[in-house]
């Protein structure tokens, strides 16, 4: 199962954490569209949340502590983000968060012609 989310600057870290908790327990994939619209203060907390999930997967844990609560882990969970850099209202991702995701660049070849 894949679940998509459109992010905004008003998205609090608690809500994102609850979504991550559900994804980690169910093994579903989450795609967070326009991730760089989230406030930079929130992104710093999100980096810690994502790292805790990735560390639990790497350590092959069946259960781990997430936001102070012990939860189960389905290692097939996937976290994906999209960004539109350079637009008004977009923030630069903190370095500790950048390190947790792989970059894929999409270009529209027809726009160059």
PDB file of N, CA and C in Angstrom:
ATOM      1  N   UNK A   1       0.835  -1.161   0.000  1.00  0.00           N
ATOM      2  CA  UNK A   1       0.000   0.000   0.000  1.00  0.00           C
ATOM      3  C   UNK A   1       0.890   1.237   0.000  1.00  0.00           C
ATOM      4  N   UNK A   2       0.524   2.221  -0.779  1.00  0.00           N
ATOM      5  CA  UNK A   2       1.216   3.508  -0.803  1.00  0.00           C
ATOM      6  C   UNK A   2       0.217   4.596  -0.464  1.00  0.00           C
ATOM      7  N   UNK A   3       0.637   5.504   0.403  1.00  0.00           N
ATOM      8  CA  UNK A   3      -0.219   6.603   0.824  1.00  0.00           C
ATOM      9  C   UNK A   3       0.500   7.898   0.474  1.00  0.00           C
ATOM     10  N   UNK A   4      -0.212   8.840  -0.117  1.00  0.00           N
ATOM     11  CA  UNK A   4       0.378  10.124  -0.494  1.00  0.00           C
ATOM     12  C   UNK A   4      -0.109  11.243   0.400  1.00  0.00           C
ATOM     13  N   UNK A   5       0.770  12.209   0.659  1.00  0.00           N
ATOM     14  CA  UNK A   5       0.445  13.348   1.503  1.00  0.00           C
ATOM     15  C   UNK A   5       0.951  14.619   0.843  1.00  0.00           C
ATOM     16  N   UNK A   6       0.103  15.642   0.787  1.00  0.00           N
ATOM     17  CA  UNK A   6       0.524  16.961   0.309  1.00  0.00           C
ATOM     18  C   UNK A   6       0.885  17.783   1.535  1.00  0.00           C
ATOM     19  N   UNK A   7       2.113  18.226   1.611  1.00  0.00           N
ATOM     20  CA  UNK A   7       2.603  18.926   2.798  1.00  0.00           C
ATOM     21  C   UNK A   7       2.365  20.420   2.704  1.00  0.00           C
ATOM     22  N   UNK A   8       2.330  21.051   3.871  1.00  0.00           N
ATOM     23  CA  UNK A   8       2.225  22.501   3.935  1.00  0.00           C
ATOM     24  C   UNK A   8       3.115  23.006   5.053  1.00  0.00           C
ATOM     25  N   UNK A   9       3.277  24.311   5.117  1.00  0.00           N
ATOM     26  CA  UNK A   9       4.111  24.913   6.152  1.00  0.00           C
ATOM     27  C   UNK A   9       3.478  24.785   7.531  1.00  0.00           C
ATOM     28  N   UNK A  10       2.215  24.394   7.593  1.00  0.00           N
ATOM     29  CA  UNK A  10       1.508  24.272   8.871  1.00  0.00           C
ATOM     30  C   UNK A  10       1.475  22.836   9.392  1.00  0.00           C
ATOM     31  N   UNK A  11       2.177  21.931   8.743  1.00  0.00           N
ATOM     32  CA  UNK A  11       2.179  20.521   9.115  1.00  0.00           C
ATOM     33  C   UNK A  11       3.066  20.336  10.355  1.00  0.00           C
ATOM     34  N   UNK A  12       2.504  20.033  11.546  1.00  0.00           N
ATOM     35  CA  UNK A  12       3.326  19.896  12.756  1.00  0.00           C
ATOM     36  C   UNK A  12       4.057  18.557  12.803  1.00  0.00           C
ATOM     37  N   UNK A  13       5.195  18.538  13.503  1.00  0.00           N
ATOM     38  CA  UNK A  13       6.007  17.317  13.566  1.00  0.00           C
ATOM     39  C   UNK A  13       5.259  16.173  14.243  1.00  0.00           C
ATOM     40  N   UNK A  14       4.323  16.489  15.151  1.00  0.00           N
ATOM     41  CA  UNK A  14       3.564  15.426  15.816  1.00  0.00           C
ATOM     42  C   UNK A  14       2.696  14.670  14.809  1.00  0.00           C
ATOM     43  N   UNK A  15       2.090  15.403  13.892  1.00  0.00           N
ATOM     44  CA  UNK A  15       1.251  14.765  12.868  1.00  0.00           C
ATOM     45  C   UNK A  15       2.091  13.922  11.922  1.00  0.00           C
ATOM     46  N   UNK A  16       3.229  14.460  11.518  1.00  0.00           N
ATOM     47  CA  UNK A  16       4.115  13.698  10.641  1.00  0.00           C
ATOM     48  C   UNK A  16       4.594  12.445  11.372  1.00  0.00           C
ATOM     49  N   UNK A  17       4.934  12.582  12.655  1.00  0.00           N
ATOM     50  CA  UNK A  17       5.376  11.436  13.449  1.00  0.00           C
ATOM     51  C   UNK A  17       4.311  10.364  13.550  1.00  0.00           C
ATOM     52  N   UNK A  18       3.053  10.772  13.720  1.00  0.00           N
ATOM     53  CA  UNK A  18       1.963   9.789  13.779  1.00  0.00           C
ATOM     54  C   UNK A  18       1.802   9.060  12.450  1.00  0.00           C
ATOM     55  N   UNK A  19       1.994   9.765  11.361  1.00  0.00           N
ATOM     56  CA  UNK A  19       1.933   9.121  10.045  1.00  0.00           C
ATOM     57  C   UNK A  19       3.084   8.128   9.906  1.00  0.00           C
ATOM     58  N   UNK A  20       4.304   8.553  10.277  1.00  0.00           N
ATOM     59  CA  UNK A  20       5.455   7.656  10.220  1.00  0.00           C
ATOM     60  C   UNK A  20       5.243   6.422  11.089  1.00  0.00           C
ATOM     61  N   UNK A  21       4.644   6.615  12.255  1.00  0.00           N
ATOM     62  CA  UNK A  21       4.391   5.493  13.158  1.00  0.00           C
ATOM     63  C   UNK A  21       3.475   4.470  12.486  1.00  0.00           C
ATOM     64  N   UNK A  22       2.418   4.936  11.856  1.00  0.00           N
ATOM     65  CA  UNK A  22       1.506   4.035  11.151  1.00  0.00           C
ATOM     66  C   UNK A  22       2.167   3.329   9.987  1.00  0.00           C
ATOM     67  N   UNK A  23       2.977   4.065   9.241  1.00  0.00           N
ATOM     68  CA  UNK A  23       3.690   3.458   8.109  1.00  0.00           C
ATOM     69  C   UNK A  23       4.673   2.396   8.594  1.00  0.00           C
ATOM     70  N   UNK A  24       5.418   2.712   9.660  1.00  0.00           N
ATOM     71  CA  UNK A  24       6.419   1.768  10.177  1.00  0.00           C
ATOM     72  C   UNK A  24       5.769   0.485  10.675  1.00  0.00           C
ATOM     73  N   UNK A  25       4.613   0.595  11.286  1.00  0.00           N
ATOM     74  CA  UNK A  25       3.940  -0.588  11.828  1.00  0.00           C
ATOM     75  C   UNK A  25       3.259  -1.410  10.739  1.00  0.00           C
ATOM     76  N   UNK A  26       2.782  -0.754   9.698  1.00  0.00           N
ATOM     77  CA  UNK A  26       2.041  -1.464   8.654  1.00  0.00           C
ATOM     78  C   UNK A  26       2.918  -1.927   7.496  1.00  0.00           C
ATOM     79  N   UNK A  27       4.085  -1.323   7.349  1.00  0.00           N
ATOM     80  CA  UNK A  27       4.943  -1.654   6.214  1.00  0.00           C
ATOM     81  C   UNK A  27       4.533  -0.949   4.938  1.00  0.00           C
ATOM     82  N   UNK A  28       3.617  -0.002   5.049  1.00  0.00           N
ATOM     83  CA  UNK A  28       3.170   0.751   3.873  1.00  0.00           C
ATOM     84  C   UNK A  28       4.242   1.758   3.457  1.00  0.00           C
ATOM     85  N   UNK A  29       4.105   2.272   2.255  1.00  0.00           N
ATOM     86  CA  UNK A  29       4.989   3.308   1.756  1.00  0.00           C
ATOM     87  C   UNK A  29       4.253   4.634   1.823  1.00  0.00           C
ATOM     88  N   UNK A  30       4.970   5.679   2.177  1.00  0.00           N
ATOM     89  CA  UNK A  30       4.397   7.017   2.220  1.00  0.00           C
ATOM     90  C   UNK A  30       5.170   7.940   1.308  1.00  0.00           C
ATOM     91  N   UNK A  31       4.447   8.690   0.492  1.00  0.00           N
ATOM     92  CA  UNK A  31       5.067   9.682  -0.385  1.00  0.00           C
ATOM     93  C   UNK A  31       4.611  11.059   0.088  1.00  0.00           C
ATOM     94  N   UNK A  32       5.562  11.876   0.469  1.00  0.00           N
ATOM     95  CA  UNK A  32       5.284  13.206   1.004  1.00  0.00           C
ATOM     96  C   UNK A  32       5.632  14.234  -0.063  1.00  0.00           C
ATOM     97  N   UNK A  33       4.589  14.758  -0.699  1.00  0.00           N
ATOM     98  CA  UNK A  33       4.736  15.684  -1.821  1.00  0.00           C
ATOM     99  C   UNK A  33       5.066  17.083  -1.307  1.00  0.00           C
ATOM    100  N   UNK A  34       5.942  17.766  -2.024  1.00  0.00           N
ATOM    101  CA  UNK A  34       6.377  19.123  -1.696  1.00  0.00           C
ATOM    102  C   UNK A  34       6.887  19.201  -0.261  1.00  0.00           C
ATOM    103  N   UNK A  35       7.775  18.282   0.064  1.00  0.00           N
ATOM    104  CA  UNK A  35       8.322  18.144   1.413  1.00  0.00           C
ATOM    105  C   UNK A  35       9.008  19.419   1.893  1.00  0.00           C
ATOM    106  N   UNK A  36       9.602  20.169   0.957  1.00  0.00           N
ATOM    107  CA  UNK A  36      10.312  21.376   1.349  1.00  0.00           C
ATOM    108  C   UNK A  36       9.389  22.565   1.611  1.00  0.00           C
ATOM    109  N   UNK A  37       8.083  22.325   1.670  1.00  0.00           N
ATOM    110  CA  UNK A  37       7.148  23.365   2.132  1.00  0.00           C
ATOM    111  C   UNK A  37       7.016  23.345   3.651  1.00  0.00           C
ATOM    112  N   UNK A  38       7.471  22.265   4.282  1.00  0.00           N
ATOM    113  CA  UNK A  38       7.396  22.134   5.735  1.00  0.00           C
ATOM    114  C   UNK A  38       8.407  23.085   6.367  1.00  0.00           C
ATOM    115  N   UNK A  39       8.031  23.697   7.489  1.00  0.00           N
ATOM    116  CA  UNK A  39       8.913  24.645   8.179  1.00  0.00           C
ATOM    117  C   UNK A  39      10.223  23.972   8.577  1.00  0.00           C
ATOM    118  N   UNK A  40      11.318  24.716   8.497  1.00  0.00           N
ATOM    119  CA  UNK A  40      12.646  24.160   8.767  1.00  0.00           C
ATOM    120  C   UNK A  40      12.755  23.633  10.199  1.00  0.00           C
ATOM    121  N   UNK A  41      12.060  24.260  11.154  1.00  0.00           N
ATOM    122  CA  UNK A  41      12.091  23.774  12.537  1.00  0.00           C
ATOM    123  C   UNK A  41      11.472  22.381  12.627  1.00  0.00           C
ATOM    124  N   UNK A  42      10.427  22.158  11.877  1.00  0.00           N
ATOM    125  CA  UNK A  42       9.746  20.865  11.849  1.00  0.00           C
ATOM    126  C   UNK A  42      10.629  19.835  11.148  1.00  0.00           C
ATOM    127  N   UNK A  43      11.295  20.246  10.085  1.00  0.00           N
ATOM    128  CA  UNK A  43      12.154  19.325   9.336  1.00  0.00           C
ATOM    129  C   UNK A  43      13.293  18.784  10.194  1.00  0.00           C
ATOM    130  N   UNK A  44      13.783  19.578  11.131  1.00  0.00           N
ATOM    131  CA  UNK A  44      14.844  19.110  12.020  1.00  0.00           C
ATOM    132  C   UNK A  44      14.359  17.956  12.889  1.00  0.00           C
ATOM    133  N   UNK A  45      13.127  18.044  13.394  1.00  0.00           N
ATOM    134  CA  UNK A  45      12.547  16.963  14.197  1.00  0.00           C
ATOM    135  C   UNK A  45      12.254  15.761  13.312  1.00  0.00           C
ATOM    136  N   UNK A  46      11.763  16.019  12.106  1.00  0.00           N
ATOM    137  CA  UNK A  46      11.457  14.950  11.158  1.00  0.00           C
ATOM    138  C   UNK A  46      12.707  14.130  10.851  1.00  0.00           C
ATOM    139  N   UNK A  47      13.861  14.776  10.778  1.00  0.00           N
ATOM    140  CA  UNK A  47      15.110  14.062  10.514  1.00  0.00           C
ATOM    141  C   UNK A  47      15.371  13.014  11.592  1.00  0.00           C
ATOM    142  N   UNK A  48      15.122  13.359  12.835  1.00  0.00           N
ATOM    143  CA  UNK A  48      15.311  12.413  13.939  1.00  0.00           C
ATOM    144  C   UNK A  48      14.321  11.261  13.823  1.00  0.00           C
ATOM    145  N   UNK A  49      13.081  11.571  13.443  1.00  0.00           N
ATOM    146  CA  UNK A  49      12.056  10.540  13.297  1.00  0.00           C
ATOM    147  C   UNK A  49      12.418   9.559  12.184  1.00  0.00           C
ATOM    148  N   UNK A  50      12.812  10.079  11.042  1.00  0.00           N
ATOM    149  CA  UNK A  50      13.174   9.227   9.906  1.00  0.00           C
ATOM    150  C   UNK A  50      14.394   8.371  10.249  1.00  0.00           C
ATOM    151  N   UNK A  51      15.392   8.983  10.879  1.00  0.00           N
ATOM    152  CA  UNK A  51      16.601   8.234  11.242  1.00  0.00           C
ATOM    153  C   UNK A  51      16.288   7.100  12.201  1.00  0.00           C
ATOM    154  N   UNK A  52      15.378   7.304  13.136  1.00  0.00           N
ATOM    155  CA  UNK A  52      15.056   6.223  14.075  1.00  0.00           C
ATOM    156  C   UNK A  52      14.416   5.037  13.361  1.00  0.00           C
ATOM    157  N   UNK A  53      13.593   5.300  12.352  1.00  0.00           N
ATOM    158  CA  UNK A  53      12.989   4.217  11.567  1.00  0.00           C
ATOM    159  C   UNK A  53      14.062   3.511  10.740  1.00  0.00           C
ATOM    160  N   UNK A  54      14.921   4.288  10.077  1.00  0.00           N
ATOM    161  CA  UNK A  54      15.975   3.694   9.260  1.00  0.00           C
ATOM    162  C   UNK A  54      16.948   2.872  10.111  1.00  0.00           C
ATOM    163  N   UNK A  55      17.278   3.369  11.303  1.00  0.00           N
ATOM    164  CA  UNK A  55      18.183   2.625  12.183  1.00  0.00           C
ATOM    165  C   UNK A  55      17.557   1.304  12.636  1.00  0.00           C
ATOM    166  N   UNK A  56      16.257   1.329  12.942  1.00  0.00           N
ATOM    167  CA  UNK A  56      15.569   0.104  13.370  1.00  0.00           C
ATOM    168  C   UNK A  56      15.565  -0.930  12.239  1.00  0.00           C
ATOM    169  N   UNK A  57      15.367  -0.474  11.009  1.00  0.00           N
ATOM    170  CA  UNK A  57      15.402  -1.385   9.860  1.00  0.00           C
ATOM    171  C   UNK A  57      16.810  -1.956   9.694  1.00  0.00           C
ATOM    172  N   UNK A  58      17.803  -1.087   9.742  1.00  0.00           N
ATOM    173  CA  UNK A  58      19.203  -1.514   9.584  1.00  0.00           C
ATOM    174  C   UNK A  58      19.600  -2.519  10.659  1.00  0.00           C
ATOM    175  N   UNK A  59      19.121  -2.320  11.878  1.00  0.00           N
ATOM    176  CA  UNK A  59      19.448  -3.210  12.993  1.00  0.00           C
ATOM    177  C   UNK A  59      18.541  -4.443  13.063  1.00  0.00           C
ATOM    178  N   UNK A  60      17.645  -4.569  12.063  1.00  0.00           N
ATOM    179  CA  UNK A  60      16.730  -5.715  11.961  1.00  0.00           C
ATOM    180  C   UNK A  60      15.878  -5.919  13.225  1.00  0.00           C
ATOM    181  N   UNK A  61      15.414  -4.819  13.768  1.00  0.00           N
ATOM    182  CA  UNK A  61      14.582  -4.887  14.971  1.00  0.00           C
ATOM    183  C   UNK A  61      13.133  -5.198  14.606  1.00  0.00           C
ATOM    184  N   UNK A  62      12.469  -5.943  15.455  1.00  0.00           N
ATOM    185  CA  UNK A  62      11.041  -6.206  15.285  1.00  0.00           C
ATOM    186  C   UNK A  62      10.212  -5.148  16.002  1.00  0.00           C
ATOM    187  N   UNK A  63      10.797  -4.557  17.064  1.00  0.00           N
ATOM    188  CA  UNK A  63      10.149  -3.491  17.820  1.00  0.00           C
ATOM    189  C   UNK A  63      11.211  -2.429  18.118  1.00  0.00           C
ATOM    190  N   UNK A  64      10.784  -1.170  18.214  1.00  0.00           N
ATOM    191  CA  UNK A  64      11.723  -0.101  18.540  1.00  0.00           C
ATOM    192  C   UNK A  64      10.964   1.049  19.191  1.00  0.00           C
ATOM    193  N   UNK A  65      11.726   1.951  19.796  1.00  0.00           N
ATOM    194  CA  UNK A  65      11.131   3.112  20.455  1.00  0.00           C
ATOM    195  C   UNK A  65      11.006   4.242  19.446  1.00  0.00           C
ATOM    196  N   UNK A  66       9.788   4.724  19.265  1.00  0.00           N
ATOM    197  CA  UNK A  66       9.522   5.834  18.353  1.00  0.00           C
ATOM    198  C   UNK A  66       8.707   6.870  19.114  1.00  0.00           C
ATOM    199  N   UNK A  67       9.257   8.071  19.232  1.00  0.00           N
ATOM    200  CA  UNK A  67       8.596   9.159  19.957  1.00  0.00           C
ATOM    201  C   UNK A  67       8.189   8.730  21.364  1.00  0.00           C
ATOM    202  N   UNK A  68       9.053   7.976  22.021  1.00  0.00           N
ATOM    203  CA  UNK A  68       8.805   7.571  23.393  1.00  0.00           C
ATOM    204  C   UNK A  68       7.878   6.389  23.578  1.00  0.00           C
ATOM    205  N   UNK A  69       7.477   5.771  22.480  1.00  0.00           N
ATOM    206  CA  UNK A  69       6.552   4.625  22.538  1.00  0.00           C
ATOM    207  C   UNK A  69       7.166   3.440  21.813  1.00  0.00           C
ATOM    208  N   UNK A  70       7.076   2.254  22.417  1.00  0.00           N
ATOM    209  CA  UNK A  70       7.563   1.056  21.750  1.00  0.00           C
ATOM    210  C   UNK A  70       6.525   0.601  20.734  1.00  0.00           C
ATOM    211  N   UNK A  71       6.963   0.463  19.484  1.00  0.00           N
ATOM    212  CA  UNK A  71       6.059   0.040  18.416  1.00  0.00           C
ATOM    213  C   UNK A  71       6.696  -1.097  17.631  1.00  0.00           C
ATOM    214  N   UNK A  72       5.853  -1.829  16.900  1.00  0.00           N
ATOM    215  CA  UNK A  72       6.349  -2.894  16.030  1.00  0.00           C
ATOM    216  C   UNK A  72       6.873  -2.272  14.736  1.00  0.00           C
ATOM    217  N   UNK A  73       7.704  -3.019  14.042  1.00  0.00           N
ATOM    218  CA  UNK A  73       8.288  -2.545  12.791  1.00  0.00           C
ATOM    219  C   UNK A  73       8.105  -3.578  11.702  1.00  0.00           C
ATOM    220  N   UNK A  74       7.524  -3.141  10.595  1.00  0.00           N
ATOM    221  CA  UNK A  74       7.493  -3.944   9.377  1.00  0.00           C
ATOM    222  C   UNK A  74       8.567  -3.348   8.472  1.00  0.00           C
ATOM    223  N   UNK A  75       9.654  -4.064   8.233  1.00  0.00           N
ATOM    224  CA  UNK A  75      10.796  -3.490   7.519  1.00  0.00           C
ATOM    225  C   UNK A  75      10.541  -3.145   6.053  1.00  0.00           C
ATOM    226  N   UNK A  76       9.375  -3.457   5.537  1.00  0.00           N
ATOM    227  CA  UNK A  76       9.089  -3.084   4.148  1.00  0.00           C
ATOM    228  C   UNK A  76       8.602  -1.640   4.032  1.00  0.00           C
ATOM    229  N   UNK A  77       8.539  -0.912   5.145  1.00  0.00           N
ATOM    230  CA  UNK A  77       8.111   0.484   5.127  1.00  0.00           C
ATOM    231  C   UNK A  77       9.010   1.284   4.179  1.00  0.00           C
ATOM    232  N   UNK A  78       8.415   2.247   3.499  1.00  0.00           N
ATOM    233  CA  UNK A  78       9.182   3.112   2.606  1.00  0.00           C
ATOM    234  C   UNK A  78       8.756   4.558   2.790  1.00  0.00           C
ATOM    235  N   UNK A  79       9.714   5.452   2.853  1.00  0.00           N
ATOM    236  CA  UNK A  79       9.447   6.883   2.980  1.00  0.00           C
ATOM    237  C   UNK A  79      10.052   7.588   1.776  1.00  0.00           C
ATOM    238  N   UNK A  80       9.220   8.308   1.050  1.00  0.00           N
ATOM    239  CA  UNK A  80       9.643   8.999  -0.168  1.00  0.00           C
ATOM    240  C   UNK A  80       9.192  10.445  -0.086  1.00  0.00           C
ATOM    241  N   UNK A  81       9.986  11.341  -0.654  1.00  0.00           N
ATOM    242  CA  UNK A  81       9.624  12.753  -0.657  1.00  0.00           C
ATOM    243  C   UNK A  81       9.791  13.323  -2.057  1.00  0.00           C
ATOM    244  N   UNK A  82       9.000  14.338  -2.361  1.00  0.00           N
ATOM    245  CA  UNK A  82       9.192  15.118  -3.583  1.00  0.00           C
ATOM    246  C   UNK A  82       9.404  16.563  -3.168  1.00  0.00           C
ATOM    247  N   UNK A  83      10.132  17.298  -4.003  1.00  0.00           N
ATOM    248  CA  UNK A  83      10.405  18.704  -3.719  1.00  0.00           C
ATOM    249  C   UNK A  83      10.369  19.492  -5.018  1.00  0.00           C
ATOM    250  N   UNK A  84      10.045  20.756  -4.877  1.00  0.00           N
ATOM    251  CA  UNK A  84      10.120  21.705  -5.986  1.00  0.00           C
ATOM    252  C   UNK A  84      11.015  22.854  -5.534  1.00  0.00           C
ATOM    253  N   UNK A  85      12.329  22.676  -5.631  1.00  0.00           N
ATOM    254  CA  UNK A  85      13.234  23.718  -5.130  1.00  0.00           C
ATOM    255  C   UNK A  85      13.125  25.001  -5.940  1.00  0.00           C
ATOM    256  N   UNK A  86      13.379  26.100  -5.258  1.00  0.00           N
ATOM    257  CA  UNK A  86      13.407  27.385  -5.948  1.00  0.00           C
ATOM    258  C   UNK A  86      12.086  28.121  -5.989  1.00  0.00           C
ATOM    259  N   UNK A  87      10.993  27.495  -5.592  1.00  0.00           N
ATOM    260  CA  UNK A  87       9.702  28.175  -5.581  1.00  0.00           C
ATOM    261  C   UNK A  87       9.557  28.974  -4.294  1.00  0.00           C
ATOM    262  N   UNK A  88       8.730  30.002  -4.333  1.00  0.00           N
ATOM    263  CA  UNK A  88       8.468  30.808  -3.139  1.00  0.00           C
ATOM    264  C   UNK A  88       7.877  29.935  -2.039  1.00  0.00           C
ATOM    265  N   UNK A  89       8.308  30.182  -0.810  1.00  0.00           N
ATOM    266  CA  UNK A  89       7.782  29.430   0.331  1.00  0.00           C
ATOM    267  C   UNK A  89       8.430  28.082   0.540  1.00  0.00           C
ATOM    268  N   UNK A  90       9.473  27.770  -0.219  1.00  0.00           N
ATOM    269  CA  UNK A  90      10.154  26.485  -0.072  1.00  0.00           C
ATOM    270  C   UNK A  90      11.401  26.686   0.786  1.00  0.00           C
ATOM    271  N   UNK A  91      11.715  25.698   1.612  1.00  0.00           N
ATOM    272  CA  UNK A  91      12.895  25.778   2.453  1.00  0.00           C
ATOM    273  C   UNK A  91      13.953  24.797   1.964  1.00  0.00           C
ATOM    274  N   UNK A  92      15.175  25.052   2.336  1.00  0.00           N
ATOM    275  CA  UNK A  92      16.275  24.130   2.058  1.00  0.00           C
ATOM    276  C   UNK A  92      16.237  23.050   3.131  1.00  0.00           C
ATOM    277  N   UNK A  93      16.394  21.802   2.737  1.00  0.00           N
ATOM    278  CA  UNK A  93      16.391  20.727   3.729  1.00  0.00           C
ATOM    279  C   UNK A  93      17.635  20.811   4.601  1.00  0.00           C
ATOM    280  N   UNK A  94      17.496  20.568   5.911  1.00  0.00           N
ATOM    281  CA  UNK A  94      18.681  20.499   6.769  1.00  0.00           C
ATOM    282  C   UNK A  94      19.593  19.362   6.309  1.00  0.00           C
ATOM    283  N   UNK A  95      20.893  19.514   6.509  1.00  0.00           N
ATOM    284  CA  UNK A  95      21.868  18.525   6.045  1.00  0.00           C
ATOM    285  C   UNK A  95      21.605  17.138   6.637  1.00  0.00           C
ATOM    286  N   UNK A  96      21.202  17.090   7.928  1.00  0.00           N
ATOM    287  CA  UNK A  96      20.972  15.776   8.540  1.00  0.00           C
ATOM    288  C   UNK A  96      19.774  15.071   7.913  1.00  0.00           C
ATOM    289  N   UNK A  97      18.851  15.807   7.332  1.00  0.00           N
ATOM    290  CA  UNK A  97      17.707  15.206   6.641  1.00  0.00           C
ATOM    291  C   UNK A  97      18.075  14.834   5.204  1.00  0.00           C
ATOM    292  N   UNK A  98      18.841  15.685   4.548  1.00  0.00           N
ATOM    293  CA  UNK A  98      19.297  15.377   3.181  1.00  0.00           C
ATOM    294  C   UNK A  98      20.022  14.041   3.123  1.00  0.00           C
ATOM    295  N   UNK A  99      20.795  13.761   4.163  1.00  0.00           N
ATOM    296  CA  UNK A  99      21.609  12.543   4.192  1.00  0.00           C
ATOM    297  C   UNK A  99      20.764  11.278   4.275  1.00  0.00           C
ATOM    298  N   UNK A 100      19.484  11.396   4.617  1.00  0.00           N
ATOM    299  CA  UNK A 100      18.629  10.222   4.814  1.00  0.00           C
ATOM    300  C   UNK A 100      17.849   9.815   3.569  1.00  0.00           C
ATOM    301  N   UNK A 101      17.914  10.627   2.516  1.00  0.00           N
ATOM    302  CA  UNK A 101      17.171  10.340   1.284  1.00  0.00           C
ATOM    303  C   UNK A 101      18.108  10.371   0.091  1.00  0.00           C
ATOM    304  N   UNK A 102      17.770   9.589  -0.935  1.00  0.00           N
ATOM    305  CA  UNK A 102      18.515   9.617  -2.191  1.00  0.00           C
ATOM    306  C   UNK A 102      17.856  10.623  -3.120  1.00  0.00           C
ATOM    307  N   UNK A 103      18.686  11.325  -3.872  1.00  0.00           N
ATOM    308  CA  UNK A 103      18.171  12.301  -4.823  1.00  0.00           C
ATOM    309  C   UNK A 103      17.951  11.658  -6.188  1.00  0.00           C
ATOM    310  N   UNK A 104      16.844  11.992  -6.794  1.00  0.00           N
ATOM    311  CA  UNK A 104      16.562  11.636  -8.179  1.00  0.00           C
ATOM    312  C   UNK A 104      16.083  12.920  -8.838  1.00  0.00           C
ATOM    313  N   UNK A 105      16.704  13.288  -9.928  1.00  0.00           N
ATOM    314  CA  UNK A 105      16.361  14.526 -10.611  1.00  0.00           C
ATOM    315  C   UNK A 105      15.557  14.212 -11.864  1.00  0.00           C
ATOM    316  N   UNK A 106      14.400  14.848 -11.989  1.00  0.00           N
ATOM    317  CA  UNK A 106      13.559  14.651 -13.168  1.00  0.00           C
ATOM    318  C   UNK A 106      13.557  15.939 -13.974  1.00  0.00           C
ATOM    319  N   UNK A 107      13.802  15.809 -15.254  1.00  0.00           N
ATOM    320  CA  UNK A 107      13.784  16.963 -16.129  1.00  0.00           C
ATOM    321  C   UNK A 107      12.807  16.700 -17.262  1.00  0.00           C
ATOM    322  N   UNK A 108      12.171  17.746 -17.696  1.00  0.00           N
ATOM    323  CA  UNK A 108      11.248  17.654 -18.816  1.00  0.00           C
ATOM    324  C   UNK A 108      12.050  17.979 -20.084  1.00  0.00           C
ATOM    325  N   UNK A 109      12.357  16.950 -20.863  1.00  0.00           N
ATOM    326  CA  UNK A 109      13.163  17.145 -22.070  1.00  0.00           C
ATOM    327  C   UNK A 109      12.444  18.017 -23.091  1.00  0.00           C
ATOM    328  N   UNK A 110      11.131  17.947 -23.135  1.00  0.00           N
ATOM    329  CA  UNK A 110      10.377  18.741 -24.109  1.00  0.00           C
ATOM    330  C   UNK A 110      10.505  20.227 -23.814  1.00  0.00           C
ATOM    331  N   UNK A 111      10.689  20.614 -22.557  1.00  0.00           N
ATOM    332  CA  UNK A 111      10.819  22.021 -22.198  1.00  0.00           C
ATOM    333  C   UNK A 111      12.126  22.605 -22.743  1.00  0.00           C
ATOM    334  N   UNK A 112      13.127  21.764 -22.922  1.00  0.00           N
ATOM    335  CA  UNK A 112      14.426  22.234 -23.427  1.00  0.00           C
ATOM    336  C   UNK A 112      14.438  22.413 -24.936  1.00  0.00           C
ATOM    337  N   UNK A 113      13.451  21.862 -25.629  1.00  0.00           N
ATOM    338  CA  UNK A 113      13.441  21.917 -27.106  1.00  0.00           C
ATOM    339  C   UNK A 113      12.841  23.203 -27.599  1.00  0.00           C
TER     340      UNK A 113
END
